[in-house]
C-alpha atoms as a PDB file:
ATOM      1  CA  MET A   1     269.100  28.835  54.522  1.00  0.00           C
ATOM      2  CA  THR A   2     270.996  27.602  57.512  1.00  0.00           C
ATOM      3  CA  ASP A   3     272.313  30.298  59.763  1.00  0.00           C
ATOM      4  CA  GLU A   4     273.072  28.444  62.955  1.00  0.00           C
ATOM      5  CA  PRO A   5     272.879  24.716  63.557  1.00  0.00           C
ATOM      6  CA  SER A   6     269.624  23.550  65.126  1.00  0.00           C
ATOM      7  CA  ARG A   7     271.391  21.672  67.906  1.00  0.00           C
ATOM      8  CA  PRO A   8     274.438  22.621  69.980  1.00  0.00           C
ATOM      9  CA  LEU A   9     277.717  21.598  68.396  1.00  0.00           C
ATOM     10  CA  ARG A  10     280.656  19.868  70.033  1.00  0.00           C
ATOM     11  CA  ALA A  11     283.676  22.113  70.542  1.00  0.00           C
ATOM     12  CA  ASP A  12     285.566  20.568  67.605  1.00  0.00           C
ATOM     13  CA  ALA A  13     282.534  20.911  65.326  1.00  0.00           C
ATOM     14  CA  ARG A  14     282.172  24.591  66.358  1.00  0.00           C
ATOM     15  CA  ARG A  15     285.847  25.169  65.553  1.00  0.00           C
ATOM     16  CA  ASN A  16     285.464  23.480  62.159  1.00  0.00           C
ATOM     17  CA  ARG A  17     282.383  25.565  61.381  1.00  0.00           C
ATOM     18  CA  GLU A  18     284.232  28.755  62.302  1.00  0.00           C
ATOM     19  CA  LYS A  19     287.254  27.770  60.178  1.00  0.00           C
ATOM     20  CA  ILE A  20     284.941  27.107  57.223  1.00  0.00           C
ATOM     21  CA  LEU A  21     283.238  30.504  57.619  1.00  0.00           C
ATOM     22  CA  VAL A  22     286.552  32.365  57.839  1.00  0.00           C
ATOM     23  CA  ALA A  23     287.936  30.531  54.799  1.00  0.00           C
ATOM     24  CA  ALA A  24     284.692  31.057  52.854  1.00  0.00           C
ATOM     25  CA  THR A  25     284.722  34.793  53.502  1.00  0.00           C
ATOM     26  CA  ARG A  26     288.310  35.052  52.320  1.00  0.00           C
ATOM     27  CA  VAL A  27     287.899  32.805  49.258  1.00  0.00           C
ATOM     28  CA  PHE A  28     284.579  34.313  48.102  1.00  0.00           C
ATOM     29  CA  ALA A  29     286.090  37.793  48.511  1.00  0.00           C
ATOM     30  CA  GLU A  30     289.109  36.773  46.410  1.00  0.00           C
ATOM     31  CA  GLN A  31     287.404  34.589  43.787  1.00  0.00           C
ATOM     32  CA  GLY A  32     283.763  35.636  43.848  1.00  0.00           C
ATOM     33  CA  LEU A  33     280.937  33.322  42.923  1.00  0.00           C
ATOM     34  CA  ASP A  34     283.268  31.023  40.968  1.00  0.00           C
ATOM     35  CA  ALA A  35     285.048  29.868  44.129  1.00  0.00           C
ATOM     36  CA  HIS A  36     285.067  26.086  44.476  1.00  0.00           C
ATOM     37  CA  LEU A  37     283.658  24.745  47.717  1.00  0.00           C
ATOM     38  CA  GLU A  38     286.355  22.058  47.749  1.00  0.00           C
ATOM     39  CA  HIS A  39     288.968  24.838  47.762  1.00  0.00           C
ATOM     40  CA  ILE A  40     287.215  26.473  50.713  1.00  0.00           C
ATOM     41  CA  ALA A  41     287.230  23.151  52.586  1.00  0.00           C
ATOM     42  CA  ARG A  42     290.975  22.743  51.914  1.00  0.00           C
ATOM     43  CA  GLN A  43     291.646  26.320  53.052  1.00  0.00           C
ATOM     44  CA  ALA A  44     289.705  25.611  56.245  1.00  0.00           C
ATOM     45  CA  GLY A  45     291.593  22.374  56.829  1.00  0.00           C
ATOM     46  CA  VAL A  46     288.439  20.232  56.774  1.00  0.00           C
ATOM     47  CA  GLY A  47     287.012  17.633  54.424  1.00  0.00           C
ATOM     48  CA  THR A  48     284.309  18.438  51.919  1.00  0.00           C
ATOM     49  CA  GLY A  49     281.921  16.212  53.867  1.00  0.00           C
ATOM     50  CA  THR A  50     282.350  18.471  56.902  1.00  0.00           C
ATOM     51  CA  LEU A  51     281.678  21.539  54.762  1.00  0.00           C
ATOM     52  CA  TYR A  52     278.526  20.060  53.195  1.00  0.00           C
ATOM     53  CA  ARG A  53     277.283  18.734  56.543  1.00  0.00           C
ATOM     54  CA  ASN A  54     277.372  22.288  57.891  1.00  0.00           C
ATOM     55  CA  PHE A  55     276.337  24.074  54.689  1.00  0.00           C
ATOM     56  CA  PRO A  56     274.349  21.890  52.282  1.00  0.00           C
ATOM     57  CA  THR A  57     274.291  24.530  49.537  1.00  0.00           C
ATOM     58  CA  ARG A  58     276.596  27.234  48.229  1.00  0.00           C
ATOM     59  CA  GLU A  59     273.969  29.823  49.179  1.00  0.00           C
ATOM     60  CA  ASP A  60     273.862  28.494  52.756  1.00  0.00           C
ATOM     61  CA  LEU A  61     277.616  28.942  53.029  1.00  0.00           C
ATOM     62  CA  ILE A  62     277.658  32.415  51.488  1.00  0.00           C
ATOM     63  CA  GLU A  63     274.863  33.662  53.719  1.00  0.00           C
ATOM     64  CA  ALA A  64     276.400  32.156  56.851  1.00  0.00           C
ATOM     65  CA  ALA A  65     279.831  33.620  56.003  1.00  0.00           C
ATOM     66  CA  TYR A  66     278.319  37.076  55.581  1.00  0.00           C
ATOM     67  CA  ARG A  67     276.272  36.816  58.783  1.00  0.00           C
ATOM     68  CA  ASN A  68     279.361  35.594  60.638  1.00  0.00           C
ATOM     69  CA  GLU A  69     281.314  38.673  59.549  1.00  0.00           C
ATOM     70  CA  LEU A  70     278.411  40.888  60.584  1.00  0.00           C
ATOM     71  CA  ALA A  71     278.212  39.218  64.008  1.00  0.00           C
ATOM     72  CA  ARG A  72     281.977  39.555  64.512  1.00  0.00           C
ATOM     73  CA  LEU A  73     281.758  43.273  63.761  1.00  0.00           C
ATOM     74  CA  CYS A  74     278.809  43.894  66.058  1.00  0.00           C
ATOM     75  CA  ASP A  75     279.998  41.619  68.856  1.00  0.00           C
ATOM     76  CA  ALA A  76     283.318  43.472  68.942  1.00  0.00           C
ATOM     77  CA  ALA A  77     281.742  46.637  70.388  1.00  0.00           C
ATOM     78  CA  PRO A  78     281.377  45.485  74.020  1.00  0.00           C
ATOM     79  CA  ASP A  79     284.727  43.692  73.893  1.00  0.00           C
ATOM     80  CA  LEU A  80     286.476  46.851  72.708  1.00  0.00           C
ATOM     81  CA  LEU A  81     284.775  48.943  75.398  1.00  0.00           C
ATOM     82  CA  ALA A  82     285.912  46.446  78.020  1.00  0.00           C
ATOM     83  CA  THR A  83     289.549  46.727  76.976  1.00  0.00           C
ATOM     84  CA  MET A  84     290.118  50.353  75.990  1.00  0.00           C
ATOM     85  CA  PRO A  85     288.825  53.877  76.592  1.00  0.00           C
ATOM     86  CA  PRO A  86     285.567  54.660  74.734  1.00  0.00           C
ATOM     87  CA  ARG A  87     287.116  57.001  72.142  1.00  0.00           C
ATOM     88  CA  GLU A  88     289.795  54.441  71.275  1.00  0.00           C
ATOM     89  CA  ALA A  89     287.197  51.660  71.225  1.00  0.00           C
ATOM     90  CA  LEU A  90     285.067  53.648  68.775  1.00  0.00           C
ATOM     91  CA  ARG A  91     288.052  54.307  66.502  1.00  0.00           C
ATOM     92  CA  ALA A  92     289.132  50.640  66.629  1.00  0.00           C
ATOM     93  CA  TRP A  93     285.591  49.545  65.763  1.00  0.00           C
ATOM     94  CA  MET A  94     285.605  51.900  62.779  1.00  0.00           C
ATOM     95  CA  GLY A  95     288.663  50.040  61.481  1.00  0.00           C
ATOM     96  CA  ASN A  96     286.785  46.771  61.990  1.00  0.00           C
ATOM     97  CA  PHE A  97     283.885  48.232  60.000  1.00  0.00           C
ATOM     98  CA  ILE A  98     286.205  48.845  57.043  1.00  0.00           C
ATOM     99  CA  ASP A  99     287.366  45.204  57.260  1.00  0.00           C
ATOM    100  CA  TYR A 100     283.735  44.050  57.295  1.00  0.00           C
ATOM    101  CA  ALA A 101     282.794  46.299  54.376  1.00  0.00           C
ATOM    102  CA  THR A 102     285.808  45.156  52.354  1.00  0.00           C
ATOM    103  CA  ALA A 103     284.803  41.513  52.856  1.00  0.00           C
ATOM    104  CA  LYS A 104     281.200  42.346  51.953  1.00  0.00           C
ATOM    105  CA  PHE A 105     282.243  44.152  48.763  1.00  0.00           C
ATOM    106  CA  GLY A 106     284.499  41.247  47.841  1.00  0.00           C
ATOM    107  CA  MET A 107     281.600  38.852  48.286  1.00  0.00           C
ATOM    108  CA  ALA A 108     279.157  41.067  46.342  1.00  0.00           C
ATOM    109  CA  ASP A 109     278.557  38.648  43.449  1.00  0.00           C
ATOM    110  CA  ALA A 110     278.155  35.717  45.809  1.00  0.00           C
ATOM    111  CA  LEU A 111     275.732  37.686  47.995  1.00  0.00           C
ATOM    112  CA  ARG A 112     273.707  38.722  44.933  1.00  0.00           C
ATOM    113  CA  ALA A 113     273.309  35.011  44.142  1.00  0.00           C
ATOM    114  CA  VAL A 114     271.956  34.429  47.650  1.00  0.00           C
ATOM    115  CA  VAL A 115     269.450  37.269  47.215  1.00  0.00           C
ATOM    116  CA  ALA A 116     268.450  35.878  43.812  1.00  0.00           C
ATOM    117  CA  SER A 117     267.709  32.527  45.492  1.00  0.00           C
ATOM    118  CA  GLY A 118     265.103  34.263  47.668  1.00  0.00           C
ATOM    119  CA  ALA A 119     267.066  34.775  50.884  1.00  0.00           C
ATOM    120  CA  ASP A 120     267.805  38.106  52.537  1.00  0.00           C
ATOM    121  CA  PRO A 121     271.233  37.993  54.198  1.00  0.00           C
ATOM    122  CA  TYR A 122     270.942  41.717  54.926  1.00  0.00           C
ATOM    123  CA  ALA A 123     267.667  41.439  56.863  1.00  0.00           C
ATOM    124  CA  ARG A 124     268.998  42.863  60.132  1.00  0.00           C
ATOM    125  CA  SER A 125     272.413  44.200  59.067  1.00  0.00           C
ATOM    126  CA  HIS A 126     271.647  47.905  59.307  1.00  0.00           C
ATOM    127  CA  GLU A 127     269.872  47.519  62.647  1.00  0.00           C
ATOM    128  CA  MET A 128     272.719  45.458  64.144  1.00  0.00           C
ATOM    129  CA  ILE A 129     275.427  47.846  62.961  1.00  0.00           C
ATOM    130  CA  GLN A 130     273.487  50.877  64.206  1.00  0.00           C
ATOM    131  CA  ALA A 131     273.067  49.233  67.631  1.00  0.00           C
ATOM    132  CA  ALA A 132     276.793  48.478  67.946  1.00  0.00           C
ATOM    133  CA  LEU A 133     277.765  51.961  66.792  1.00  0.00           C
ATOM    134  CA  THR A 134     275.242  53.566  69.151  1.00  0.00           C
ATOM    135  CA  THR A 135     276.666  51.586  72.084  1.00  0.00           C
ATOM    136  CA  LEU A 136     280.173  52.825  71.289  1.00  0.00           C
ATOM    137  CA  MET A 137     279.085  56.414  70.710  1.00  0.00           C
ATOM    138  CA  ASP A 138     276.997  56.501  73.898  1.00  0.00           C
ATOM    139  CA  ALA A 139     280.016  55.346  75.902  1.00  0.00           C
ATOM    140  CA  ALA A 140     282.248  57.938  74.225  1.00  0.00           C
ATOM    141  CA  ARG A 141     279.665  60.667  74.858  1.00  0.00           C
ATOM    142  CA  ALA A 142     279.365  59.641  78.518  1.00  0.00           C
ATOM    143  CA  ALA A 143     283.156  59.953  78.794  1.00  0.00           C
ATOM    144  CA  ARG A 144     282.925  63.366  77.074  1.00  0.00           C
ATOM    145  CA  ALA A 145     285.274  62.042  74.402  1.00  0.00           C
ATOM    146  CA  ILE A 146     283.057  62.950  71.420  1.00  0.00           C
ATOM    147  CA  ARG A 147     280.477  65.578  70.552  1.00  0.00           C
ATOM    148  CA  SER A 148     276.891  64.993  71.607  1.00  0.00           C
ATOM    149  CA  ASP A 149     275.212  66.501  68.540  1.00  0.00           C
ATOM    150  CA  ILE A 150     276.140  63.859  65.949  1.00  0.00           C
ATOM    151  CA  SER A 151     273.994  60.748  65.549  1.00  0.00           C
ATOM    152  CA  ALA A 152     275.060  57.178  64.934  1.00  0.00           C
ATOM    153  CA  THR A 153     273.121  57.382  61.663  1.00  0.00           C
ATOM    154  CA  ASP A 154     275.362  60.237  60.496  1.00  0.00           C
ATOM    155  CA  VAL A 155     278.531  58.402  61.514  1.00  0.00           C
ATOM    156  CA  PHE A 156     277.304  55.221  59.807  1.00  0.00           C
ATOM    157  CA  ALA A 157     276.757  57.193  56.588  1.00  0.00           C
ATOM    158  CA  GLY A 158     280.289  58.590  56.864  1.00  0.00           C
ATOM    159  CA  LEU A 159     281.765  55.138  57.484  1.00  0.00           C
ATOM    160  CA  THR A 160     279.892  53.765  54.499  1.00  0.00           C
ATOM    161  CA  GLY A 161     281.353  56.528  52.341  1.00  0.00           C
ATOM    162  CA  VAL A 162     284.856  55.783  53.598  1.00  0.00           C
ATOM    163  CA  ALA A 163     284.313  52.089  52.891  1.00  0.00           C
ATOM    164  CA  LEU A 164     283.050  52.762  49.360  1.00  0.00           C
ATOM    165  CA  THR A 165     286.045  54.916  48.469  1.00  0.00           C
ATOM    166  CA  SER A 166     288.676  52.812  50.230  1.00  0.00           C
ATOM    167  CA  SER A 167     287.500  49.209  50.023  1.00  0.00           C
ATOM    168  CA  ALA A 168     290.487  47.748  48.212  1.00  0.00           C
ATOM    169  CA  ALA A 169     293.307  46.378  50.348  1.00  0.00           C
ATOM    170  CA  GLU A 170     295.824  48.739  48.719  1.00  0.00           C
ATOM    171  CA  GLN A 171     293.655  51.690  49.789  1.00  0.00           C
ATOM    172  CA  ARG A 172     293.714  50.789  53.478  1.00  0.00           C
ATOM    173  CA  GLY A 173     296.046  53.678  54.294  1.00  0.00           C
ATOM    174  CA  GLN A 174     293.573  56.100  52.762  1.00  0.00           C
ATOM    175  CA  ALA A 175     290.737  54.519  54.747  1.00  0.00           C
ATOM    176  CA  GLU A 176     292.681  54.944  57.991  1.00  0.00           C
ATOM    177  CA  ARG A 177     293.326  58.622  57.226  1.00  0.00           C
ATOM    178  CA  LEU A 178     289.640  59.155  56.423  1.00  0.00           C
ATOM    179  CA  LEU A 179     288.610  57.411  59.654  1.00  0.00           C
ATOM    180  CA  ASP A 180     290.927  59.757  61.551  1.00  0.00           C
ATOM    181  CA  LEU A 181     289.131  62.679  59.869  1.00  0.00           C
ATOM    182  CA  VAL A 182     285.764  61.258  60.991  1.00  0.00           C
ATOM    183  CA  MET A 183     287.106  60.994  64.542  1.00  0.00           C
ATOM    184  CA  ASP A 184     288.441  64.555  64.373  1.00  0.00           C
ATOM    185  CA  GLY A 185     284.963  65.710  63.364  1.00  0.00           C
ATOM    186  CA  LEU A 186     283.449  63.813  66.271  1.00  0.00           C
ATOM    187  CA  THR A 187     285.820  65.360  68.775  1.00  0.00           C
ATOM    188  CA  SER A 188     285.983  68.956  67.573  1.00  0.00           C
ATOM    189  CA  ASN A 189     284.745  71.657  69.926  1.00  0.00           C
ATOM    190  CA  ARG A 190     281.859  72.743  67.728  1.00  0.00           C
ATOM    191  CA  PRO A 191     278.430  72.214  69.325  1.00  0.00           C
END
């Protein structure tokens, strides 16, 4: 499966690749495995030749779209810490996690097809998410903005539960309230 191109891409080719990945995530989440690649190309504003040049197979595209969403989630941690206080950065990242999980759930059938083809799009997912969450929690702990006795593993389990119960777009309000409860638990005065 192709994850990243083997040679550096021109700026316009990078933009096209990114547009394809964003469109693919959205379309696979909406339409599942039955999504037409030509529709994804149209949504991205590129020709089908551009899509197939970047992603020769449906499985390549699905895996790359998932990995792109994962990278966006994890790469957001240092950017959030650079632009807001650690507690706010952690809470903002939690909202991003719900977006990521919603896209992942929407792409579930498509991702199962990738796994069935022998690939493992989830190979480093847990490790990458834990690292990003740990970075945010360490910064919040250093700022004395959250409790020190709760692990990133525990918070990740809580976020996963929130995502499972609130993954539909119409349940976003519930997810936000549940994330606020998680934050309240992280900032309470208990040891």
